[in-house]
Amino acid sequence: MFIRKEPGPRVVTLPNGDQMTRADLPPPGTTRWVARRKEAVVRGVQSGLIDREEALERYDLSDEEFEGWERAMVSHGTNGLKTTLLQKYRQS
């Protein structure tokens, strides 16, 4: 049996105590972004599970788009990533 070695850690522990693996990340080439998938990518990058550059390339994201997700997570949590509630959570 051959196990492919991925760069970086296999498992990381998030601040809330949950563990996250690469299997918890959305599949490469994802085009339909719901809040849960956005959160997984942002948490994966923040915890060191995946590099920022690798995430941008893997999911074909722009730097600005990813920064927007990070800002929304910091300001409003997962609810800030929901596009249907955009005005409610992102108003000053």
Protein backbone atom coordinates (compact mmCIF):
# COMPACT_ATOMS: atom_id res chain seq x y z
CA MET A 1 0.00 0.00 0.00
CA PHE A 2 1.34 3.44 -0.95
CA ILE A 3 0.41 6.50 1.10
CA ARG A 4 1.08 9.81 -0.56
CA LYS A 5 2.84 12.25 1.75
CA GLU A 6 1.20 15.68 1.69
CA PRO A 7 3.15 18.75 2.75
CA GLY A 8 2.22 20.12 6.17
CA PRO A 9 0.51 18.41 9.08
CA ARG A 10 -2.10 15.70 8.60
CA VAL A 11 -4.26 16.76 11.55
CA VAL A 12 -4.56 20.11 13.31
CA THR A 13 -6.48 21.05 16.42
CA LEU A 14 -8.67 24.14 16.08
CA PRO A 15 -9.03 26.70 18.89
CA ASN A 16 -12.42 25.22 19.86
CA GLY A 17 -10.82 21.78 20.36
CA ASP A 18 -12.09 20.17 17.14
CA GLN A 19 -9.63 18.34 14.93
CA MET A 20 -9.41 19.05 11.22
CA THR A 21 -7.79 16.99 8.46
CA ARG A 22 -7.32 17.52 4.74
CA ALA A 23 -10.38 15.31 4.24
CA ASP A 24 -12.46 18.05 5.88
CA LEU A 25 -11.47 20.54 3.16
CA PRO A 26 -13.69 20.94 0.08
CA PRO A 27 -12.59 18.97 -2.99
CA PRO A 28 -10.23 20.74 -5.42
CA GLY A 29 -11.99 22.71 -8.11
CA THR A 30 -15.03 23.52 -5.98
CA THR A 31 -17.12 26.22 -7.67
CA ARG A 32 -20.25 26.33 -5.48
CA TRP A 33 -19.26 28.11 -2.29
CA VAL A 34 -21.52 27.84 0.72
CA ALA A 35 -20.59 29.29 4.11
CA ARG A 36 -19.54 25.91 5.51
CA ARG A 37 -17.01 25.33 2.71
CA LYS A 38 -15.64 28.86 2.93
CA GLU A 39 -15.20 28.40 6.68
CA ALA A 40 -13.34 25.12 6.17
CA VAL A 41 -10.86 26.73 3.78
CA VAL A 42 -10.27 29.76 6.02
CA ARG A 43 -9.84 27.61 9.13
CA GLY A 44 -7.52 25.26 7.23
CA VAL A 45 -5.26 28.14 6.22
CA GLN A 46 -5.36 29.80 9.65
CA SER A 47 -4.46 26.55 11.42
CA GLY A 48 -1.61 25.71 9.03
CA LEU A 49 -3.25 22.65 7.52
CA ILE A 50 -2.90 24.13 4.03
CA ASP A 51 -0.79 27.03 2.72
CA ARG A 52 -2.56 30.18 1.60
CA GLU A 53 -0.97 29.92 -1.86
CA GLU A 54 -2.00 26.28 -2.15
CA ALA A 55 -5.58 27.16 -1.19
CA LEU A 56 -5.74 29.97 -3.74
CA GLU A 57 -4.45 27.67 -6.47
CA ARG A 58 -6.43 24.59 -5.41
CA TYR A 59 -9.75 26.47 -5.34
CA ASP A 60 -8.97 29.04 -8.06
CA LEU A 61 -9.55 31.97 -5.68
CA SER A 62 -8.27 35.51 -5.97
CA ASP A 63 -6.28 37.01 -3.12
CA GLU A 64 -8.99 39.65 -2.61
CA GLU A 65 -11.75 37.05 -2.43
CA PHE A 66 -9.93 35.03 0.21
CA GLU A 67 -9.11 38.16 2.23
CA GLY A 68 -12.81 39.04 2.16
CA TRP A 69 -13.66 35.63 3.58
CA GLU A 70 -11.09 36.08 6.34
CA ARG A 71 -12.40 39.54 7.26
CA ALA A 72 -15.99 38.26 7.33
CA MET A 73 -14.99 35.35 9.59
CA VAL A 74 -13.17 37.65 12.02
CA SER A 75 -15.98 40.20 12.11
CA HIS A 76 -19.09 38.01 12.05
CA GLY A 77 -18.09 34.34 12.22
CA THR A 78 -19.61 31.80 9.84
CA ASN A 79 -22.76 33.86 9.40
CA GLY A 80 -20.70 36.62 7.78
CA LEU A 81 -19.88 34.21 4.95
CA LYS A 82 -23.52 33.70 3.98
CA THR A 83 -24.35 35.66 0.84
CA THR A 84 -28.09 35.58 1.52
CA LEU A 85 -27.59 37.52 4.76
CA LEU A 86 -24.89 39.79 3.34
CA GLN A 87 -26.51 43.08 4.24
CA LYS A 88 -27.53 42.02 7.74
CA TYR A 89 -24.07 40.88 8.86
CA ARG A 90 -21.83 43.29 6.95
CA GLN A 91 -23.49 46.61 7.72
CA SER A 92 -21.50 49.06 9.80
